[in-house]
Amino acid sequence: MDAKTTGIVAYLTWIGLLIAFLAGDKEGAKFHINQALVILLFGLIGVIPFVGWIWDVFMVVCWFIGFIGALQGQENEIPLLGKIKIIK
């Protein structure tokens, strides 16, 4: 897969993230793989009642920002969490 396709696949559930990490162009799409991983991990906070639900709405908005950026081939950081680098 090329970098753009890998970036798009990374945002499609945790299975897509795993496929993008293992089979895709990791160097070209490292930004989007990292952003998708941050969204997935911080989305787990959503299990907390009330506050977590509001957080999940924010995470959905972040997912859309990242996914649209991947579709356009741009590297748009998500709000608040965009500076976090899990994959170096």
PDB file of N, CA and C in Angstrom:
ATOM      1  N   MET A   1       0.842  -1.178   0.000  1.00  0.00           N
ATOM      2  CA  MET A   1       0.000   0.000   0.000  1.00  0.00           C
ATOM      3  C   MET A   1       0.887   1.241   0.000  1.00  0.00           C
ATOM      4  N   ASP A   2       0.441   2.256  -0.690  1.00  0.00           N
ATOM      5  CA  ASP A   2       1.174   3.513  -0.669  1.00  0.00           C
ATOM      6  C   ASP A   2       0.866   4.276   0.620  1.00  0.00           C
ATOM      7  N   ALA A   3       1.548   5.394   0.826  1.00  0.00           N
ATOM      8  CA  ALA A   3       1.426   6.144   2.078  1.00  0.00           C
ATOM      9  C   ALA A   3       0.019   6.687   2.289  1.00  0.00           C
ATOM     10  N   LYS A   4      -0.626   7.184   1.239  1.00  0.00           N
ATOM     11  CA  LYS A   4      -1.964   7.756   1.394  1.00  0.00           C
ATOM     12  C   LYS A   4      -2.972   6.675   1.772  1.00  0.00           C
ATOM     13  N   THR A   5      -2.933   5.543   1.104  1.00  0.00           N
ATOM     14  CA  THR A   5      -3.842   4.442   1.407  1.00  0.00           C
ATOM     15  C   THR A   5      -3.598   3.916   2.819  1.00  0.00           C
ATOM     16  N   THR A   6      -2.340   3.807   3.203  1.00  0.00           N
ATOM     17  CA  THR A   6      -2.009   3.348   4.543  1.00  0.00           C
ATOM     18  C   THR A   6      -2.557   4.305   5.592  1.00  0.00           C
ATOM     19  N   GLY A   7      -2.448   5.606   5.345  1.00  0.00           N
ATOM     20  CA  GLY A   7      -2.989   6.602   6.271  1.00  0.00           C
ATOM     21  C   GLY A   7      -4.489   6.491   6.416  1.00  0.00           C
ATOM     22  N   ILE A   8      -5.185   6.242   5.322  1.00  0.00           N
ATOM     23  CA  ILE A   8      -6.644   6.107   5.360  1.00  0.00           C
ATOM     24  C   ILE A   8      -7.041   4.842   6.120  1.00  0.00           C
ATOM     25  N   VAL A   9      -6.385   3.739   5.827  1.00  0.00           N
ATOM     26  CA  VAL A   9      -6.703   2.460   6.472  1.00  0.00           C
ATOM     27  C   VAL A   9      -6.446   2.529   7.979  1.00  0.00           C
ATOM     28  N   ALA A  10      -5.457   3.315   8.393  1.00  0.00           N
ATOM     29  CA  ALA A  10      -5.110   3.413   9.820  1.00  0.00           C
ATOM     30  C   ALA A  10      -6.279   3.924  10.660  1.00  0.00           C
ATOM     31  N   TYR A  11      -7.147   4.736  10.083  1.00  0.00           N
ATOM     32  CA  TYR A  11      -8.272   5.288  10.832  1.00  0.00           C
ATOM     33  C   TYR A  11      -9.484   4.363  10.867  1.00  0.00           C
ATOM     34  N   LEU A  12      -9.452   3.265  10.137  1.00  0.00           N
ATOM     35  CA  LEU A  12     -10.606   2.366  10.062  1.00  0.00           C
ATOM     36  C   LEU A  12     -10.489   1.272  11.117  1.00  0.00           C
ATOM     37  N   THR A  13     -10.988   1.492  12.276  1.00  0.00           N
ATOM     38  CA  THR A  13     -11.011   0.592  13.433  1.00  0.00           C
ATOM     39  C   THR A  13      -9.608   0.155  13.851  1.00  0.00           C
ATOM     40  N   TRP A  14      -9.513  -0.615  14.895  1.00  0.00           N
ATOM     41  CA  TRP A  14      -8.215  -1.085  15.371  1.00  0.00           C
ATOM     42  C   TRP A  14      -7.631  -2.122  14.424  1.00  0.00           C
ATOM     43  N   ILE A  15      -8.479  -2.824  13.696  1.00  0.00           N
ATOM     44  CA  ILE A  15      -7.981  -3.806  12.720  1.00  0.00           C
ATOM     45  C   ILE A  15      -7.288  -3.078  11.573  1.00  0.00           C
ATOM     46  N   GLY A  16      -7.882  -1.983  11.104  1.00  0.00           N
ATOM     47  CA  GLY A  16      -7.250  -1.183  10.065  1.00  0.00           C
ATOM     48  C   GLY A  16      -5.925  -0.607  10.527  1.00  0.00           C
ATOM     49  N   LEU A  17      -5.874  -0.182  11.787  1.00  0.00           N
ATOM     50  CA  LEU A  17      -4.630   0.337  12.352  1.00  0.00           C
ATOM     51  C   LEU A  17      -3.560  -0.746  12.361  1.00  0.00           C
ATOM     52  N   LEU A  18      -3.939  -1.948  12.732  1.00  0.00           N
ATOM     53  CA  LEU A  18      -3.003  -3.065  12.753  1.00  0.00           C
ATOM     54  C   LEU A  18      -2.526  -3.408  11.344  1.00  0.00           C
ATOM     55  N   ILE A  19      -3.427  -3.424  10.384  1.00  0.00           N
ATOM     56  CA  ILE A  19      -3.054  -3.701   8.992  1.00  0.00           C
ATOM     57  C   ILE A  19      -2.112  -2.612   8.473  1.00  0.00           C
ATOM     58  N   ALA A  20      -2.434  -1.361   8.766  1.00  0.00           N
ATOM     59  CA  ALA A  20      -1.587  -0.254   8.311  1.00  0.00           C
ATOM     60  C   ALA A  20      -0.196  -0.353   8.925  1.00  0.00           C
ATOM     61  N   PHE A  21      -0.135  -0.754  10.184  1.00  0.00           N
ATOM     62  CA  PHE A  21       1.157  -0.856  10.857  1.00  0.00           C
ATOM     63  C   PHE A  21       1.986  -2.021  10.328  1.00  0.00           C
ATOM     64  N   LEU A  22       1.341  -3.141  10.056  1.00  0.00           N
ATOM     65  CA  LEU A  22       2.076  -4.337   9.646  1.00  0.00           C
ATOM     66  C   LEU A  22       2.322  -4.428   8.141  1.00  0.00           C
ATOM     67  N   ALA A  23       1.347  -4.015   7.325  1.00  0.00           N
ATOM     68  CA  ALA A  23       1.447  -4.247   5.891  1.00  0.00           C
ATOM     69  C   ALA A  23       1.617  -2.982   5.061  1.00  0.00           C
ATOM     70  N   GLY A  24       1.454  -1.835   5.653  1.00  0.00           N
ATOM     71  CA  GLY A  24       1.468  -0.597   4.880  1.00  0.00           C
ATOM     72  C   GLY A  24       2.831   0.063   4.839  1.00  0.00           C
ATOM     73  N   ASP A  25       2.861   1.231   4.232  1.00  0.00           N
ATOM     74  CA  ASP A  25       4.056   2.057   4.139  1.00  0.00           C
ATOM     75  C   ASP A  25       4.219   2.804   5.454  1.00  0.00           C
ATOM     76  N   LYS A  26       4.930   2.176   6.410  1.00  0.00           N
ATOM     77  CA  LYS A  26       5.029   2.750   7.752  1.00  0.00           C
ATOM     78  C   LYS A  26       5.746   4.099   7.759  1.00  0.00           C
ATOM     79  N   GLU A  27       6.784   4.245   6.986  1.00  0.00           N
ATOM     80  CA  GLU A  27       7.541   5.494   6.987  1.00  0.00           C
ATOM     81  C   GLU A  27       6.735   6.629   6.378  1.00  0.00           C
ATOM     82  N   GLY A  28       6.032   6.370   5.285  1.00  0.00           N
ATOM     83  CA  GLY A  28       5.260   7.409   4.620  1.00  0.00           C
ATOM     84  C   GLY A  28       4.012   7.814   5.378  1.00  0.00           C
ATOM     85  N   ALA A  29       3.428   6.891   6.115  1.00  0.00           N
ATOM     86  CA  ALA A  29       2.165   7.160   6.810  1.00  0.00           C
ATOM     87  C   ALA A  29       2.334   7.135   8.321  1.00  0.00           C
ATOM     88  N   LYS A  30       3.553   7.285   8.798  1.00  0.00           N
ATOM     89  CA  LYS A  30       3.815   7.231  10.242  1.00  0.00           C
ATOM     90  C   LYS A  30       2.987   8.266  11.001  1.00  0.00           C
ATOM     91  N   PHE A  31       2.808   9.441  10.427  1.00  0.00           N
ATOM     92  CA  PHE A  31       2.026  10.490  11.087  1.00  0.00           C
ATOM     93  C   PHE A  31       0.596  10.023  11.332  1.00  0.00           C
ATOM     94  N   HIS A  32      -0.063   9.488  10.300  1.00  0.00           N
ATOM     95  CA  HIS A  32      -1.461   9.089  10.430  1.00  0.00           C
ATOM     96  C   HIS A  32      -1.614   7.828  11.278  1.00  0.00           C
ATOM     97  N   ILE A  33      -0.667   6.923  11.212  1.00  0.00           N
ATOM     98  CA  ILE A  33      -0.709   5.738  12.072  1.00  0.00           C
ATOM     99  C   ILE A  33      -0.623   6.178  13.540  1.00  0.00           C
ATOM    100  N   ASN A  34       0.268   7.126  13.829  1.00  0.00           N
ATOM    101  CA  ASN A  34       0.413   7.632  15.188  1.00  0.00           C
ATOM    102  C   ASN A  34      -0.852   8.346  15.657  1.00  0.00           C
ATOM    103  N   GLN A  35      -1.428   9.195  14.813  1.00  0.00           N
ATOM    104  CA  GLN A  35      -2.631   9.930  15.187  1.00  0.00           C
ATOM    105  C   GLN A  35      -3.794   8.964  15.450  1.00  0.00           C
ATOM    106  N   ALA A  36      -3.935   7.959  14.597  1.00  0.00           N
ATOM    107  CA  ALA A  36      -5.008   6.979  14.772  1.00  0.00           C
ATOM    108  C   ALA A  36      -4.817   6.191  16.071  1.00  0.00           C
ATOM    109  N   LEU A  37      -3.570   5.867  16.401  1.00  0.00           N
ATOM    110  CA  LEU A  37      -3.282   5.145  17.638  1.00  0.00           C
ATOM    111  C   LEU A  37      -3.598   6.008  18.861  1.00  0.00           C
ATOM    112  N   VAL A  38      -3.267   7.285  18.810  1.00  0.00           N
ATOM    113  CA  VAL A  38      -3.581   8.203  19.912  1.00  0.00           C
ATOM    114  C   VAL A  38      -5.091   8.312  20.086  1.00  0.00           C
ATOM    115  N   ILE A  39      -5.828   8.447  18.984  1.00  0.00           N
ATOM    116  CA  ILE A  39      -7.288   8.529  19.055  1.00  0.00           C
ATOM    117  C   ILE A  39      -7.869   7.251  19.652  1.00  0.00           C
ATOM    118  N   LEU A  40      -7.361   6.111  19.224  1.00  0.00           N
ATOM    119  CA  LEU A  40      -7.855   4.834  19.741  1.00  0.00           C
ATOM    120  C   LEU A  40      -7.590   4.696  21.241  1.00  0.00           C
ATOM    121  N   LEU A  41      -6.378   4.989  21.670  1.00  0.00           N
ATOM    122  CA  LEU A  41      -6.035   4.824  23.082  1.00  0.00           C
ATOM    123  C   LEU A  41      -6.767   5.814  23.985  1.00  0.00           C
ATOM    124  N   PHE A  42      -6.816   7.078  23.575  1.00  0.00           N
ATOM    125  CA  PHE A  42      -7.494   8.072  24.403  1.00  0.00           C
ATOM    126  C   PHE A  42      -9.007   7.921  24.324  1.00  0.00           C
ATOM    127  N   GLY A  43      -9.503   7.255  23.306  1.00  0.00           N
ATOM    128  CA  GLY A  43     -10.935   6.981  23.212  1.00  0.00           C
ATOM    129  C   GLY A  43     -11.410   5.998  24.266  1.00  0.00           C
ATOM    130  N   LEU A  44     -10.487   5.245  24.839  1.00  0.00           N
ATOM    131  CA  LEU A  44     -10.846   4.294  25.892  1.00  0.00           C
ATOM    132  C   LEU A  44     -11.328   4.989  27.163  1.00  0.00           C
ATOM    133  N   ILE A  45     -11.035   6.273  27.296  1.00  0.00           N
ATOM    134  CA  ILE A  45     -11.514   7.044  28.443  1.00  0.00           C
ATOM    135  C   ILE A  45     -13.039   7.126  28.413  1.00  0.00           C
ATOM    136  N   GLY A  46     -13.630   6.869  27.280  1.00  0.00           N
ATOM    137  CA  GLY A  46     -15.077   6.950  27.115  1.00  0.00           C
ATOM    138  C   GLY A  46     -15.874   5.981  27.959  1.00  0.00           C
ATOM    139  N   VAL A  47     -15.229   5.017  28.589  1.00  0.00           N
ATOM    140  CA  VAL A  47     -15.968   4.072  29.438  1.00  0.00           C
ATOM    141  C   VAL A  47     -16.382   4.699  30.767  1.00  0.00           C
ATOM    142  N   ILE A  48     -15.801   5.851  31.098  1.00  0.00           N
ATOM    143  CA  ILE A  48     -16.165   6.561  32.324  1.00  0.00           C
ATOM    144  C   ILE A  48     -17.525   7.232  32.098  1.00  0.00           C
ATOM    145  N   PRO A  49     -18.491   6.998  32.967  1.00  0.00           N
ATOM    146  CA  PRO A  49     -19.812   7.605  32.771  1.00  0.00           C
ATOM    147  C   PRO A  49     -19.762   9.135  32.743  1.00  0.00           C
ATOM    148  N   PHE A  50     -20.627   9.705  31.951  1.00  0.00           N
ATOM    149  CA  PHE A  50     -20.849  11.146  31.789  1.00  0.00           C
ATOM    150  C   PHE A  50     -19.646  11.873  31.192  1.00  0.00           C
ATOM    151  N   VAL A  51     -18.570  12.041  31.942  1.00  0.00           N
ATOM    152  CA  VAL A  51     -17.398  12.759  31.435  1.00  0.00           C
ATOM    153  C   VAL A  51     -16.797  12.016  30.248  1.00  0.00           C
ATOM    154  N   GLY A  52     -16.760  10.721  30.345  1.00  0.00           N
ATOM    155  CA  GLY A  52     -16.218   9.910  29.261  1.00  0.00           C
ATOM    156  C   GLY A  52     -17.052  10.000  27.997  1.00  0.00           C
ATOM    157  N   TRP A  53     -18.338  10.152  28.150  1.00  0.00           N
ATOM    158  CA  TRP A  53     -19.202  10.258  26.975  1.00  0.00           C
ATOM    159  C   TRP A  53     -18.955  11.563  26.236  1.00  0.00           C
ATOM    160  N   ILE A  54     -18.770  12.628  26.988  1.00  0.00           N
ATOM    161  CA  ILE A  54     -18.437  13.920  26.362  1.00  0.00           C
ATOM    162  C   ILE A  54     -17.074  13.809  25.675  1.00  0.00           C
ATOM    163  N   TRP A  55     -16.148  13.132  26.330  1.00  0.00           N
ATOM    164  CA  TRP A  55     -14.819  12.926  25.756  1.00  0.00           C
ATOM    165  C   TRP A  55     -14.918  12.124  24.457  1.00  0.00           C
ATOM    166  N   ASP A  56     -15.800  11.132  24.422  1.00  0.00           N
ATOM    167  CA  ASP A  56     -15.968  10.335  23.208  1.00  0.00           C
ATOM    168  C   ASP A  56     -16.492  11.169  22.041  1.00  0.00           C
ATOM    169  N   VAL A  57     -17.359  12.121  22.305  1.00  0.00           N
ATOM    170  CA  VAL A  57     -17.829  13.019  21.238  1.00  0.00           C
ATOM    171  C   VAL A  57     -16.638  13.802  20.679  1.00  0.00           C
ATOM    172  N   PHE A  58     -15.782  14.286  21.577  1.00  0.00           N
ATOM    173  CA  PHE A  58     -14.577  14.997  21.152  1.00  0.00           C
ATOM    174  C   PHE A  58     -13.670  14.083  20.333  1.00  0.00           C
ATOM    175  N   MET A  59     -13.550  12.829  20.742  1.00  0.00           N
ATOM    176  CA  MET A  59     -12.684  11.890  20.017  1.00  0.00           C
ATOM    177  C   MET A  59     -13.238  11.589  18.619  1.00  0.00           C
ATOM    178  N   VAL A  60     -14.552  11.553  18.475  1.00  0.00           N
ATOM    179  CA  VAL A  60     -15.160  11.354  17.154  1.00  0.00           C
ATOM    180  C   VAL A  60     -14.828  12.541  16.246  1.00  0.00           C
ATOM    181  N   VAL A  61     -14.886  13.742  16.787  1.00  0.00           N
ATOM    182  CA  VAL A  61     -14.521  14.931  16.012  1.00  0.00           C
ATOM    183  C   VAL A  61     -13.044  14.841  15.604  1.00  0.00           C
ATOM    184  N   CYS A  62     -12.189  14.429  16.532  1.00  0.00           N
ATOM    185  CA  CYS A  62     -10.762  14.260  16.211  1.00  0.00           C
ATOM    186  C   CYS A  62     -10.565  13.201  15.136  1.00  0.00           C
ATOM    187  N   TRP A  63     -11.338  12.126  15.206  1.00  0.00           N
ATOM    188  CA  TRP A  63     -11.247  11.075  14.195  1.00  0.00           C
ATOM    189  C   TRP A  63     -11.589  11.633  12.814  1.00  0.00           C
ATOM    190  N   PHE A  64     -12.654  12.426  12.725  1.00  0.00           N
ATOM    191  CA  PHE A  64     -13.042  13.020  11.445  1.00  0.00           C
ATOM    192  C   PHE A  64     -11.952  13.952  10.918  1.00  0.00           C
ATOM    193  N   ILE A  65     -11.348  14.742  11.790  1.00  0.00           N
ATOM    194  CA  ILE A  65     -10.275  15.641  11.368  1.00  0.00           C
ATOM    195  C   ILE A  65      -9.107  14.842  10.806  1.00  0.00           C
ATOM    196  N   GLY A  66      -8.713  13.787  11.495  1.00  0.00           N
ATOM    197  CA  GLY A  66      -7.614  12.950  11.029  1.00  0.00           C
ATOM    198  C   GLY A  66      -7.939  12.211   9.745  1.00  0.00           C
ATOM    199  N   PHE A  67      -9.141  11.660   9.679  1.00  0.00           N
ATOM    200  CA  PHE A  67      -9.547  10.883   8.497  1.00  0.00           C
ATOM    201  C   PHE A  67      -9.630  11.772   7.259  1.00  0.00           C
ATOM    202  N   ILE A  68     -10.204  12.951   7.394  1.00  0.00           N
ATOM    203  CA  ILE A  68     -10.289  13.871   6.259  1.00  0.00           C
ATOM    204  C   ILE A  68      -8.896  14.321   5.841  1.00  0.00           C
ATOM    205  N   GLY A  69      -8.017  14.546   6.806  1.00  0.00           N
ATOM    206  CA  GLY A  69      -6.632  14.887   6.484  1.00  0.00           C
ATOM    207  C   GLY A  69      -5.950  13.771   5.711  1.00  0.00           C
ATOM    208  N   ALA A  70      -6.191  12.519   6.097  1.00  0.00           N
ATOM    209  CA  ALA A  70      -5.605  11.383   5.385  1.00  0.00           C
ATOM    210  C   ALA A  70      -6.170  11.280   3.969  1.00  0.00           C
ATOM    211  N   LEU A  71      -7.470  11.532   3.817  1.00  0.00           N
ATOM    212  CA  LEU A  71      -8.071  11.499   2.480  1.00  0.00           C
ATOM    213  C   LEU A  71      -7.466  12.553   1.558  1.00  0.00           C
ATOM    214  N   GLN A  72      -7.152  13.717   2.117  1.00  0.00           N
ATOM    215  CA  GLN A  72      -6.589  14.810   1.333  1.00  0.00           C
ATOM    216  C   GLN A  72      -5.072  14.731   1.212  1.00  0.00           C
ATOM    217  N   GLY A  73      -4.458  13.803   1.913  1.00  0.00           N
ATOM    218  CA  GLY A  73      -3.010  13.659   1.870  1.00  0.00           C
ATOM    219  C   GLY A  73      -2.285  14.710   2.697  1.00  0.00           C
ATOM    220  N   GLN A  74      -2.964  15.297   3.666  1.00  0.00           N
ATOM    221  CA  GLN A  74      -2.377  16.320   4.527  1.00  0.00           C
ATOM    222  C   GLN A  74      -2.108  15.746   5.909  1.00  0.00           C
ATOM    223  N   GLU A  75      -1.226  16.408   6.639  1.00  0.00           N
ATOM    224  CA  GLU A  75      -0.915  15.989   8.001  1.00  0.00           C
ATOM    225  C   GLU A  75      -1.460  17.017   8.975  1.00  0.00           C
ATOM    226  N   ASN A  76      -2.760  16.939   9.257  1.00  0.00           N
ATOM    227  CA  ASN A  76      -3.414  17.843  10.195  1.00  0.00           C
ATOM    228  C   ASN A  76      -3.400  17.221  11.584  1.00  0.00           C
ATOM    229  N   GLU A  77      -2.782  17.916  12.539  1.00  0.00           N
ATOM    230  CA  GLU A  77      -2.769  17.406  13.911  1.00  0.00           C
ATOM    231  C   GLU A  77      -4.151  17.548  14.530  1.00  0.00           C
ATOM    232  N   ILE A  78      -4.527  16.556  15.325  1.00  0.00           N
ATOM    233  CA  ILE A  78      -5.809  16.623  16.017  1.00  0.00           C
ATOM    234  C   ILE A  78      -5.679  17.585  17.200  1.00  0.00           C
ATOM    235  N   PRO A  79      -6.770  18.236  17.599  1.00  0.00           N
ATOM    236  CA  PRO A  79      -6.704  19.181  18.722  1.00  0.00           C
ATOM    237  C   PRO A  79      -6.335  18.485  20.036  1.00  0.00           C
ATOM    238  N   LEU A  80      -5.613  19.169  20.873  1.00  0.00           N
ATOM    239  CA  LEU A  80      -5.179  18.757  22.215  1.00  0.00           C
ATOM    240  C   LEU A  80      -4.199  17.586  22.219  1.00  0.00           C
ATOM    241  N   LEU A  81      -4.417  16.572  21.427  1.00  0.00           N
ATOM    242  CA  LEU A  81      -3.618  15.352  21.495  1.00  0.00           C
ATOM    243  C   LEU A  81      -2.649  15.186  20.321  1.00  0.00           C
ATOM    244  N   GLY A  82      -2.637  16.124  19.411  1.00  0.00           N
ATOM    245  CA  GLY A  82      -1.851  15.989  18.191  1.00  0.00           C
ATOM    246  C   GLY A  82      -0.353  15.961  18.391  1.00  0.00           C
ATOM    247  N   LYS A  83       0.125  16.506  19.475  1.00  0.00           N
ATOM    248  CA  LYS A  83       1.574  16.556  19.731  1.00  0.00           C
ATOM    249  C   LYS A  83       2.116  15.261  20.345  1.00  0.00           C
ATOM    250  N   ILE A  84       1.240  14.377  20.766  1.00  0.00           N
ATOM    251  CA  ILE A  84       1.673  13.125  21.397  1.00  0.00           C
ATOM    252  C   ILE A  84       2.215  12.182  20.324  1.00  0.00           C
ATOM    253  N   LYS A  85       3.435  11.703  20.524  1.00  0.00           N
ATOM    254  CA  LYS A  85       4.072  10.786  19.580  1.00  0.00           C
ATOM    255  C   LYS A  85       4.316   9.445  20.272  1.00  0.00           C
ATOM    256  N   ILE A  86       3.566   8.439  19.856  1.00  0.00           N
ATOM    257  CA  ILE A  86       3.758   7.094  20.398  1.00  0.00           C
ATOM    258  C   ILE A  86       4.733   6.326  19.516  1.00  0.00           C
ATOM    259  N   ILE A  87       4.579   6.479  18.216  1.00  0.00           N
ATOM    260  CA  ILE A  87       5.469   5.834  17.252  1.00  0.00           C
ATOM    261  C   ILE A  87       6.472   6.871  16.793  1.00  0.00           C
ATOM    262  N   LYS A  88       7.726   6.616  17.029  1.00  0.00           N
ATOM    263  CA  LYS A  88       8.768   7.586  16.670  1.00  0.00           C
ATOM    264  C   LYS A  88       9.393   7.270  15.347  1.00  0.00           C
TER     265      LYS A  88
END
